[in-house]
Amino acid sequence: MQEKAGVIVSVVMGSDSDLPVMEEAVKVLDAFAVPHELFLTSAHRTPERTTAFCRGASKRGVRVIIVGAGAAAHLAGVIASQTLLPVIGVPIDATSLQGLDALLATVQMPGGIPVATMAIGKAGAKNAALLAIRILALEDADLMKKLHSFVRKMAQEVERKHENMKK
């Protein structure tokens, strides 16, 4: 996967098998027109590639990193240990433990190495993108307007479903 110039969110995966889950983050970023990239690296199989990515991310303008990984799921923590950018971890169900191993590996970081950890799977990937957007919207008024509109539409959808139930 190629690094692209002009991106502000990097969606990183430990394996290409993580893509079906992480595509949920991509869909949200696309819907909000947030420039992003996909990047594949492994904390265990390609540690030098991971380090090079971490060292170059902020220089290329990346402002938030979303990391999906399954099994031992050390990737988000390894990335967080090598950058000051916000890192959002998405545990992926990749083993017989149904993602619990990935959740624990992602959330149980030592003090000083923060990783915001989302739910396991597709909902976690979607929420990771929304958290990244909330972070970016703090300094981007247009993005904040889109976020307000998104929240309003969610509320309207609940109201619509409620009215449909009454029929």
N, C-alpha and C. Protein backbone atom coordinates (compact mmCIF):
# COMPACT_ATOMS: atom_id res chain seq x y z
N MET A 1 0.83 -1.17 0.00
CA MET A 1 0.00 0.00 0.00
C MET A 1 0.88 1.24 0.00
N GLN A 2 0.52 2.19 -0.80
CA GLN A 2 1.32 3.39 -0.97
C GLN A 2 0.97 4.45 0.06
N GLU A 3 1.97 5.14 0.56
CA GLU A 3 1.73 6.34 1.36
C GLU A 3 1.35 7.45 0.39
N LYS A 4 0.35 8.25 0.73
CA LYS A 4 -0.10 9.33 -0.13
C LYS A 4 0.19 10.66 0.53
N ALA A 5 0.49 11.65 -0.28
CA ALA A 5 0.68 13.01 0.25
C ALA A 5 -0.68 13.64 0.48
N GLY A 6 -0.76 14.57 1.44
CA GLY A 6 -1.98 15.31 1.69
C GLY A 6 -2.97 14.63 2.61
N VAL A 7 -2.64 13.47 3.11
CA VAL A 7 -3.58 12.78 4.01
C VAL A 7 -3.46 13.33 5.42
N ILE A 8 -4.56 13.26 6.17
CA ILE A 8 -4.49 13.68 7.57
C ILE A 8 -4.85 12.54 8.52
N VAL A 9 -5.42 11.45 7.97
CA VAL A 9 -5.68 10.25 8.77
C VAL A 9 -5.07 9.06 8.05
N SER A 10 -4.34 8.27 8.80
CA SER A 10 -3.78 7.04 8.27
C SER A 10 -4.52 5.87 8.90
N VAL A 11 -5.03 4.99 8.08
CA VAL A 11 -5.69 3.77 8.54
C VAL A 11 -4.70 2.63 8.32
N VAL A 12 -4.21 2.11 9.43
CA VAL A 12 -3.13 1.12 9.39
C VAL A 12 -3.68 -0.24 9.79
N MET A 13 -3.20 -1.27 9.11
CA MET A 13 -3.61 -2.64 9.41
C MET A 13 -2.39 -3.53 9.56
N GLY A 14 -2.54 -4.54 10.39
CA GLY A 14 -1.47 -5.50 10.59
C GLY A 14 -1.46 -6.62 9.56
N SER A 15 -2.58 -6.77 8.84
CA SER A 15 -2.71 -7.84 7.85
C SER A 15 -3.76 -7.43 6.82
N ASP A 16 -3.61 -7.92 5.60
CA ASP A 16 -4.63 -7.61 4.59
C ASP A 16 -5.97 -8.26 4.94
N SER A 17 -5.97 -9.27 5.79
CA SER A 17 -7.22 -9.87 6.21
C SER A 17 -8.03 -8.94 7.11
N ASP A 18 -7.41 -7.86 7.60
CA ASP A 18 -8.10 -6.86 8.43
C ASP A 18 -8.91 -5.86 7.60
N LEU A 19 -8.69 -5.85 6.29
CA LEU A 19 -9.32 -4.85 5.43
C LEU A 19 -10.85 -4.85 5.49
N PRO A 20 -11.53 -6.00 5.48
CA PRO A 20 -13.00 -5.93 5.54
C PRO A 20 -13.53 -5.19 6.77
N VAL A 21 -12.83 -5.25 7.88
CA VAL A 21 -13.23 -4.51 9.08
C VAL A 21 -12.85 -3.04 8.93
N MET A 22 -11.63 -2.78 8.52
CA MET A 22 -11.14 -1.41 8.47
C MET A 22 -11.77 -0.59 7.35
N GLU A 23 -12.41 -1.26 6.40
CA GLU A 23 -13.15 -0.53 5.36
C GLU A 23 -14.29 0.29 5.96
N GLU A 24 -14.77 -0.12 7.14
CA GLU A 24 -15.82 0.66 7.81
C GLU A 24 -15.29 2.04 8.20
N ALA A 25 -14.05 2.10 8.64
CA ALA A 25 -13.43 3.40 8.96
C ALA A 25 -13.28 4.22 7.68
N VAL A 26 -12.86 3.57 6.63
CA VAL A 26 -12.67 4.25 5.34
C VAL A 26 -13.98 4.85 4.84
N LYS A 27 -15.07 4.09 4.97
CA LYS A 27 -16.39 4.59 4.54
C LYS A 27 -16.76 5.88 5.27
N VAL A 28 -16.52 5.91 6.56
CA VAL A 28 -16.84 7.11 7.34
C VAL A 28 -15.96 8.28 6.93
N LEU A 29 -14.67 8.03 6.79
CA LEU A 29 -13.74 9.09 6.38
C LEU A 29 -14.12 9.62 5.00
N ASP A 30 -14.50 8.72 4.09
CA ASP A 30 -14.97 9.14 2.76
C ASP A 30 -16.22 10.01 2.87
N ALA A 31 -17.16 9.61 3.70
CA ALA A 31 -18.42 10.35 3.85
C ALA A 31 -18.19 11.77 4.36
N PHE A 32 -17.15 11.95 5.15
CA PHE A 32 -16.83 13.28 5.68
C PHE A 32 -15.76 13.99 4.84
N ALA A 33 -15.34 13.36 3.74
CA ALA A 33 -14.32 13.92 2.84
C ALA A 33 -13.01 14.22 3.57
N VAL A 34 -12.62 13.32 4.46
CA VAL A 34 -11.36 13.46 5.19
C VAL A 34 -10.28 12.72 4.41
N PRO A 35 -9.23 13.43 3.97
CA PRO A 35 -8.16 12.78 3.22
C PRO A 35 -7.47 11.71 4.08
N HIS A 36 -7.37 10.51 3.53
CA HIS A 36 -6.81 9.39 4.29
C HIS A 36 -6.04 8.45 3.38
N GLU A 37 -5.36 7.53 4.02
CA GLU A 37 -4.61 6.51 3.31
C GLU A 37 -4.80 5.18 4.03
N LEU A 38 -4.50 4.11 3.33
CA LEU A 38 -4.41 2.79 3.93
C LEU A 38 -2.93 2.40 3.95
N PHE A 39 -2.51 1.77 5.04
CA PHE A 39 -1.12 1.35 5.14
C PHE A 39 -1.07 0.01 5.84
N LEU A 40 -0.30 -0.90 5.28
CA LEU A 40 -0.16 -2.25 5.83
C LEU A 40 1.24 -2.42 6.40
N THR A 41 1.30 -2.79 7.67
CA THR A 41 2.58 -3.06 8.32
C THR A 41 2.32 -3.97 9.50
N SER A 42 3.34 -4.60 9.99
CA SER A 42 3.19 -5.53 11.10
C SER A 42 4.20 -5.22 12.19
N ALA A 43 3.71 -5.16 13.42
CA ALA A 43 4.61 -4.93 14.56
C ALA A 43 5.63 -6.05 14.68
N HIS A 44 5.25 -7.26 14.28
CA HIS A 44 6.11 -8.43 14.47
C HIS A 44 6.85 -8.85 13.21
N ARG A 45 6.19 -8.80 12.07
CA ARG A 45 6.81 -9.29 10.82
C ARG A 45 7.62 -8.22 10.09
N THR A 46 7.25 -6.94 10.26
CA THR A 46 7.98 -5.86 9.58
C THR A 46 8.23 -4.71 10.54
N PRO A 47 8.98 -4.94 11.61
CA PRO A 47 9.17 -3.87 12.60
C PRO A 47 9.88 -2.63 12.03
N GLU A 48 10.80 -2.81 11.11
CA GLU A 48 11.50 -1.65 10.53
C GLU A 48 10.54 -0.82 9.69
N ARG A 49 9.65 -1.48 8.95
CA ARG A 49 8.64 -0.77 8.15
C ARG A 49 7.71 0.03 9.08
N THR A 50 7.34 -0.58 10.19
CA THR A 50 6.47 0.09 11.16
C THR A 50 7.16 1.33 11.72
N THR A 51 8.41 1.20 12.09
CA THR A 51 9.17 2.34 12.62
C THR A 51 9.31 3.44 11.58
N ALA A 52 9.60 3.08 10.35
CA ALA A 52 9.72 4.09 9.28
C ALA A 52 8.39 4.81 9.08
N PHE A 53 7.28 4.08 9.12
CA PHE A 53 5.97 4.70 9.00
C PHE A 53 5.76 5.71 10.13
N CYS A 54 6.06 5.30 11.35
CA CYS A 54 5.86 6.17 12.52
C CYS A 54 6.70 7.44 12.42
N ARG A 55 7.92 7.30 12.02
CA ARG A 55 8.82 8.46 11.92
C ARG A 55 8.40 9.43 10.83
N GLY A 56 7.76 8.93 9.79
CA GLY A 56 7.40 9.80 8.67
C GLY A 56 5.99 10.34 8.70
N ALA A 57 5.12 9.78 9.52
CA ALA A 57 3.70 10.13 9.47
C ALA A 57 3.46 11.62 9.72
N SER A 58 3.94 12.15 10.82
CA SER A 58 3.65 13.57 11.11
C SER A 58 4.33 14.49 10.10
N LYS A 59 5.49 14.10 9.60
CA LYS A 59 6.18 14.91 8.58
C LYS A 59 5.35 15.00 7.30
N ARG A 60 4.55 13.98 7.03
CA ARG A 60 3.70 13.98 5.83
C ARG A 60 2.36 14.65 6.07
N GLY A 61 2.08 15.11 7.30
CA GLY A 61 0.84 15.80 7.58
C GLY A 61 -0.23 14.95 8.23
N VAL A 62 0.06 13.69 8.49
CA VAL A 62 -0.91 12.84 9.19
C VAL A 62 -1.13 13.42 10.58
N ARG A 63 -2.40 13.48 11.01
CA ARG A 63 -2.72 14.06 12.32
C ARG A 63 -3.34 13.06 13.28
N VAL A 64 -3.91 11.97 12.74
CA VAL A 64 -4.49 10.91 13.56
C VAL A 64 -4.21 9.58 12.87
N ILE A 65 -3.91 8.56 13.67
CA ILE A 65 -3.66 7.22 13.13
C ILE A 65 -4.68 6.26 13.72
N ILE A 66 -5.38 5.55 12.85
CA ILE A 66 -6.31 4.49 13.25
C ILE A 66 -5.63 3.17 12.94
N VAL A 67 -5.57 2.28 13.93
CA VAL A 67 -4.83 1.03 13.76
C VAL A 67 -5.73 -0.17 14.07
N GLY A 68 -5.88 -1.04 13.10
CA GLY A 68 -6.62 -2.28 13.30
C GLY A 68 -5.68 -3.46 13.31
N ALA A 69 -5.88 -4.34 14.29
CA ALA A 69 -5.06 -5.56 14.36
C ALA A 69 -5.78 -6.61 15.17
N GLY A 70 -5.53 -7.86 14.83
CA GLY A 70 -6.11 -8.98 15.54
C GLY A 70 -5.04 -9.77 16.27
N ALA A 71 -5.46 -10.84 16.92
CA ALA A 71 -4.58 -11.74 17.68
C ALA A 71 -3.83 -10.97 18.76
N ALA A 72 -2.51 -11.01 18.75
CA ALA A 72 -1.73 -10.33 19.80
C ALA A 72 -1.92 -8.82 19.75
N ALA A 73 -2.20 -8.27 18.58
CA ALA A 73 -2.61 -6.87 18.39
C ALA A 73 -1.69 -5.85 19.04
N HIS A 74 -0.41 -6.00 18.88
CA HIS A 74 0.53 -5.05 19.46
C HIS A 74 0.76 -3.82 18.58
N LEU A 75 0.22 -3.82 17.37
CA LEU A 75 0.53 -2.77 16.41
C LEU A 75 0.16 -1.37 16.89
N ALA A 76 -1.01 -1.18 17.44
CA ALA A 76 -1.39 0.17 17.90
C ALA A 76 -0.44 0.66 18.99
N GLY A 77 -0.09 -0.19 19.92
CA GLY A 77 0.84 0.19 20.99
C GLY A 77 2.23 0.48 20.48
N VAL A 78 2.70 -0.31 19.54
CA VAL A 78 4.02 -0.07 18.96
C VAL A 78 4.03 1.27 18.24
N ILE A 79 2.97 1.55 17.49
CA ILE A 79 2.89 2.84 16.80
C ILE A 79 2.80 3.97 17.81
N ALA A 80 1.97 3.83 18.83
CA ALA A 80 1.84 4.88 19.84
C ALA A 80 3.15 5.14 20.57
N SER A 81 3.99 4.12 20.68
CA SER A 81 5.26 4.29 21.36
C SER A 81 6.28 5.04 20.52
N GLN A 82 5.98 5.21 19.21
CA GLN A 82 6.94 5.82 18.31
C GLN A 82 6.46 7.11 17.66
N THR A 83 5.31 7.63 18.11
CA THR A 83 4.80 8.89 17.57
C THR A 83 4.05 9.63 18.67
N LEU A 84 3.94 10.93 18.51
CA LEU A 84 3.12 11.73 19.43
C LEU A 84 1.72 11.97 18.88
N LEU A 85 1.43 11.47 17.70
CA LEU A 85 0.10 11.60 17.11
C LEU A 85 -0.90 10.76 17.89
N PRO A 86 -2.18 11.19 17.92
CA PRO A 86 -3.20 10.35 18.54
C PRO A 86 -3.33 9.02 17.79
N VAL A 87 -3.40 7.94 18.54
CA VAL A 87 -3.55 6.59 17.97
C VAL A 87 -4.84 6.00 18.51
N ILE A 88 -5.66 5.51 17.58
CA ILE A 88 -6.94 4.90 17.92
C ILE A 88 -6.87 3.44 17.49
N GLY A 89 -7.02 2.52 18.44
CA GLY A 89 -6.91 1.10 18.15
C GLY A 89 -8.26 0.45 17.91
N VAL A 90 -8.28 -0.45 16.93
CA VAL A 90 -9.47 -1.23 16.62
C VAL A 90 -9.10 -2.71 16.74
N PRO A 91 -9.55 -3.37 17.80
CA PRO A 91 -9.30 -4.81 17.92
C PRO A 91 -10.12 -5.57 16.88
N ILE A 92 -9.50 -6.58 16.28
CA ILE A 92 -10.17 -7.36 15.23
C ILE A 92 -10.27 -8.81 15.65
N ASP A 93 -11.42 -9.39 15.40
CA ASP A 93 -11.69 -10.79 15.69
C ASP A 93 -10.95 -11.65 14.67
N ALA A 94 -9.79 -12.16 15.05
CA ALA A 94 -8.97 -12.93 14.10
C ALA A 94 -8.58 -14.31 14.63
N THR A 95 -9.03 -14.65 15.83
CA THR A 95 -8.63 -15.94 16.42
C THR A 95 -9.83 -16.62 17.07
N SER A 96 -9.59 -17.77 17.61
CA SER A 96 -10.66 -18.50 18.30
C SER A 96 -11.12 -17.79 19.57
N LEU A 97 -10.40 -16.77 20.01
CA LEU A 97 -10.79 -15.99 21.18
C LEU A 97 -11.77 -14.87 20.82
N GLN A 98 -12.19 -14.81 19.57
CA GLN A 98 -13.22 -13.89 19.07
C GLN A 98 -12.91 -12.41 19.33
N GLY A 99 -11.65 -12.06 19.28
CA GLY A 99 -11.25 -10.66 19.41
C GLY A 99 -10.91 -10.23 20.82
N LEU A 100 -11.19 -11.06 21.81
CA LEU A 100 -10.88 -10.69 23.19
C LEU A 100 -9.38 -10.51 23.38
N ASP A 101 -8.58 -11.37 22.74
CA ASP A 101 -7.12 -11.23 22.82
C ASP A 101 -6.67 -9.90 22.23
N ALA A 102 -7.25 -9.52 21.09
CA ALA A 102 -6.90 -8.25 20.45
C ALA A 102 -7.34 -7.06 21.31
N LEU A 103 -8.53 -7.17 21.89
CA LEU A 103 -9.02 -6.10 22.76
C LEU A 103 -8.09 -5.88 23.94
N LEU A 104 -7.73 -6.95 24.62
CA LEU A 104 -6.86 -6.81 25.79
C LEU A 104 -5.47 -6.30 25.40
N ALA A 105 -4.93 -6.79 24.29
CA ALA A 105 -3.61 -6.34 23.86
C ALA A 105 -3.62 -4.86 23.47
N THR A 106 -4.75 -4.39 22.96
CA THR A 106 -4.85 -2.99 22.52
C THR A 106 -5.13 -2.06 23.69
N VAL A 107 -6.00 -2.46 24.60
CA VAL A 107 -6.42 -1.57 25.67
C VAL A 107 -5.45 -1.55 26.85
N GLN A 108 -4.72 -2.62 27.09
CA GLN A 108 -3.85 -2.72 28.27
C GLN A 108 -2.46 -2.16 28.00
N MET A 109 -2.39 -0.88 27.72
CA MET A 109 -1.10 -0.23 27.45
C MET A 109 -0.50 0.28 28.76
N PRO A 110 0.83 0.27 28.84
CA PRO A 110 1.45 0.81 30.05
C PRO A 110 1.27 2.33 30.11
N GLY A 111 1.28 2.87 31.32
CA GLY A 111 1.17 4.31 31.48
C GLY A 111 2.20 5.03 30.64
N GLY A 112 1.77 6.07 29.95
CA GLY A 112 2.67 6.85 29.11
C GLY A 112 2.56 6.54 27.63
N ILE A 113 1.87 5.44 27.29
CA ILE A 113 1.69 5.05 25.88
C ILE A 113 0.18 4.96 25.62
N PRO A 114 -0.48 6.11 25.39
CA PRO A 114 -1.93 6.08 25.23
C PRO A 114 -2.38 5.55 23.87
N VAL A 115 -3.37 4.67 23.92
CA VAL A 115 -4.07 4.19 22.73
C VAL A 115 -5.56 4.25 23.05
N ALA A 116 -6.29 5.07 22.33
CA ALA A 116 -7.75 5.09 22.48
C ALA A 116 -8.26 3.81 21.85
N THR A 117 -8.96 2.98 22.60
CA THR A 117 -9.35 1.67 22.11
C THR A 117 -10.86 1.60 21.90
N MET A 118 -11.24 1.16 20.71
CA MET A 118 -12.63 1.05 20.32
C MET A 118 -13.13 -0.38 20.55
N ALA A 119 -14.38 -0.61 20.20
CA ALA A 119 -14.98 -1.94 20.28
C ALA A 119 -14.34 -2.87 19.26
N ILE A 120 -14.52 -4.15 19.46
CA ILE A 120 -14.02 -5.16 18.53
C ILE A 120 -14.82 -5.09 17.23
N GLY A 121 -14.12 -5.10 16.10
CA GLY A 121 -14.76 -5.27 14.81
C GLY A 121 -15.24 -4.01 14.11
N LYS A 122 -16.26 -4.21 13.26
CA LYS A 122 -16.72 -3.15 12.36
C LYS A 122 -17.26 -1.92 13.09
N ALA A 123 -18.01 -2.12 14.17
CA ALA A 123 -18.50 -0.97 14.93
C ALA A 123 -17.32 -0.18 15.50
N GLY A 124 -16.30 -0.87 15.94
CA GLY A 124 -15.11 -0.20 16.45
C GLY A 124 -14.39 0.59 15.37
N ALA A 125 -14.33 0.03 14.16
CA ALA A 125 -13.68 0.74 13.05
C ALA A 125 -14.46 2.01 12.69
N LYS A 126 -15.78 1.90 12.66
CA LYS A 126 -16.62 3.07 12.37
C LYS A 126 -16.41 4.13 13.45
N ASN A 127 -16.45 3.72 14.71
CA ASN A 127 -16.27 4.68 15.80
C ASN A 127 -14.86 5.26 15.83
N ALA A 128 -13.87 4.50 15.41
CA ALA A 128 -12.51 5.03 15.34
C ALA A 128 -12.45 6.20 14.37
N ALA A 129 -13.10 6.04 13.22
CA ALA A 129 -13.12 7.13 12.24
C ALA A 129 -13.88 8.33 12.80
N LEU A 130 -14.98 8.08 13.48
CA LEU A 130 -15.75 9.19 14.06
C LEU A 130 -14.96 9.90 15.16
N LEU A 131 -14.20 9.16 15.95
CA LEU A 131 -13.36 9.80 16.96
C LEU A 131 -12.26 10.62 16.29
N ALA A 132 -11.66 10.09 15.25
CA ALA A 132 -10.65 10.85 14.51
C ALA A 132 -11.25 12.15 13.98
N ILE A 133 -12.47 12.07 13.46
CA ILE A 133 -13.14 13.26 12.93
C ILE A 133 -13.42 14.25 14.05
N ARG A 134 -13.84 13.78 15.21
CA ARG A 134 -14.06 14.68 16.35
C ARG A 134 -12.77 15.39 16.75
N ILE A 135 -11.67 14.67 16.73
CA ILE A 135 -10.37 15.28 17.07
C ILE A 135 -10.03 16.36 16.04
N LEU A 136 -10.16 16.02 14.77
CA LEU A 136 -9.83 16.96 13.70
C LEU A 136 -10.78 18.16 13.68
N ALA A 137 -12.04 17.93 14.02
CA ALA A 137 -13.05 19.00 13.98
C ALA A 137 -12.80 20.07 15.04
N LEU A 138 -11.99 19.79 16.03
CA LEU A 138 -11.66 20.80 17.03
C LEU A 138 -11.00 22.02 16.40
N GLU A 139 -10.33 21.82 15.28
CA GLU A 139 -9.63 22.91 14.60
C GLU A 139 -10.10 23.11 13.16
N ASP A 140 -11.25 22.53 12.81
CA ASP A 140 -11.75 22.63 11.45
C ASP A 140 -13.26 22.89 11.50
N ALA A 141 -13.66 24.14 11.31
CA ALA A 141 -15.06 24.52 11.45
C ALA A 141 -15.96 23.80 10.44
N ASP A 142 -15.49 23.60 9.22
CA ASP A 142 -16.30 22.91 8.22
C ASP A 142 -16.54 21.46 8.63
N LEU A 143 -15.51 20.81 9.13
CA LEU A 143 -15.66 19.44 9.58
C LEU A 143 -16.60 19.38 10.79
N MET A 144 -16.53 20.36 11.67
CA MET A 144 -17.44 20.41 12.82
C MET A 144 -18.89 20.54 12.36
N LYS A 145 -19.14 21.33 11.33
CA LYS A 145 -20.50 21.46 10.79
C LYS A 145 -20.99 20.12 10.25
N LYS A 146 -20.12 19.41 9.53
CA LYS A 146 -20.49 18.08 9.02
C LYS A 146 -20.79 17.12 10.17
N LEU A 147 -20.02 17.21 11.22
CA LEU A 147 -20.22 16.34 12.38
C LEU A 147 -21.56 16.65 13.05
N HIS A 148 -21.87 17.93 13.22
CA HIS A 148 -23.17 18.30 13.78
C HIS A 148 -24.32 17.77 12.92
N SER A 149 -24.18 17.89 11.62
CA SER A 149 -25.20 17.39 10.70
C SER A 149 -25.35 15.87 10.82
N PHE A 150 -24.26 15.16 10.92
CA PHE A 150 -24.27 13.71 11.08
C PHE A 150 -25.03 13.30 12.34
N VAL A 151 -24.75 13.99 13.45
CA VAL A 151 -25.40 13.68 14.72
C VAL A 151 -26.90 13.98 14.64
N ARG A 152 -27.25 15.09 14.01
CA ARG A 152 -28.67 15.44 13.83
C ARG A 152 -29.38 14.36 13.01
N LYS A 153 -28.74 13.91 11.94
CA LYS A 153 -29.36 12.88 11.09
C LYS A 153 -29.54 11.57 11.85
N MET A 154 -28.59 11.21 12.71
CA MET A 154 -28.76 10.00 13.52
C MET A 154 -29.99 10.14 14.41
N ALA A 155 -30.14 11.29 15.05
CA ALA A 155 -31.28 11.52 15.94
C ALA A 155 -32.59 11.48 15.15
N GLN A 156 -32.59 12.10 13.97
CA GLN A 156 -33.79 12.10 13.14
C GLN A 156 -34.16 10.68 12.71
N GLU A 157 -33.17 9.86 12.46
CA GLU A 157 -33.41 8.46 12.07
C GLU A 157 -34.08 7.69 13.21
N VAL A 158 -33.65 7.93 14.43
CA VAL A 158 -34.30 7.29 15.58
C VAL A 158 -35.76 7.73 15.67
N GLU A 159 -36.00 9.02 15.51
CA GLU A 159 -37.38 9.53 15.55
C GLU A 159 -38.23 8.91 14.45
N ARG A 160 -37.66 8.81 13.26
CA ARG A 160 -38.38 8.20 12.12
C ARG A 160 -38.71 6.75 12.43
N LYS A 161 -37.78 6.00 12.94
CA LYS A 161 -38.02 4.59 13.28
C LYS A 161 -39.06 4.47 14.39
N HIS A 162 -39.04 5.38 15.33
CA HIS A 162 -40.04 5.37 16.39
C HIS A 162 -41.44 5.56 15.79
N GLU A 163 -41.57 6.54 14.92
CA GLU A 163 -42.87 6.81 14.29
C GLU A 163 -43.33 5.62 13.48
N ASN A 164 -42.42 4.94 12.78
CA ASN A 164 -42.77 3.77 12.00
C ASN A 164 -43.24 2.61 12.88
N MET A 165 -42.70 2.51 14.08
CA MET A 165 -43.12 1.45 15.00
C MET A 165 -44.54 1.66 15.48
N LYS A 166 -44.96 2.89 15.56
CA LYS A 166 -46.30 3.22 16.07
C LYS A 166 -47.39 2.91 15.04
N LYS A 167 -47.00 2.73 13.80
CA LYS A 167 -47.99 2.51 12.72
C LYS A 167 -48.52 1.10 12.75
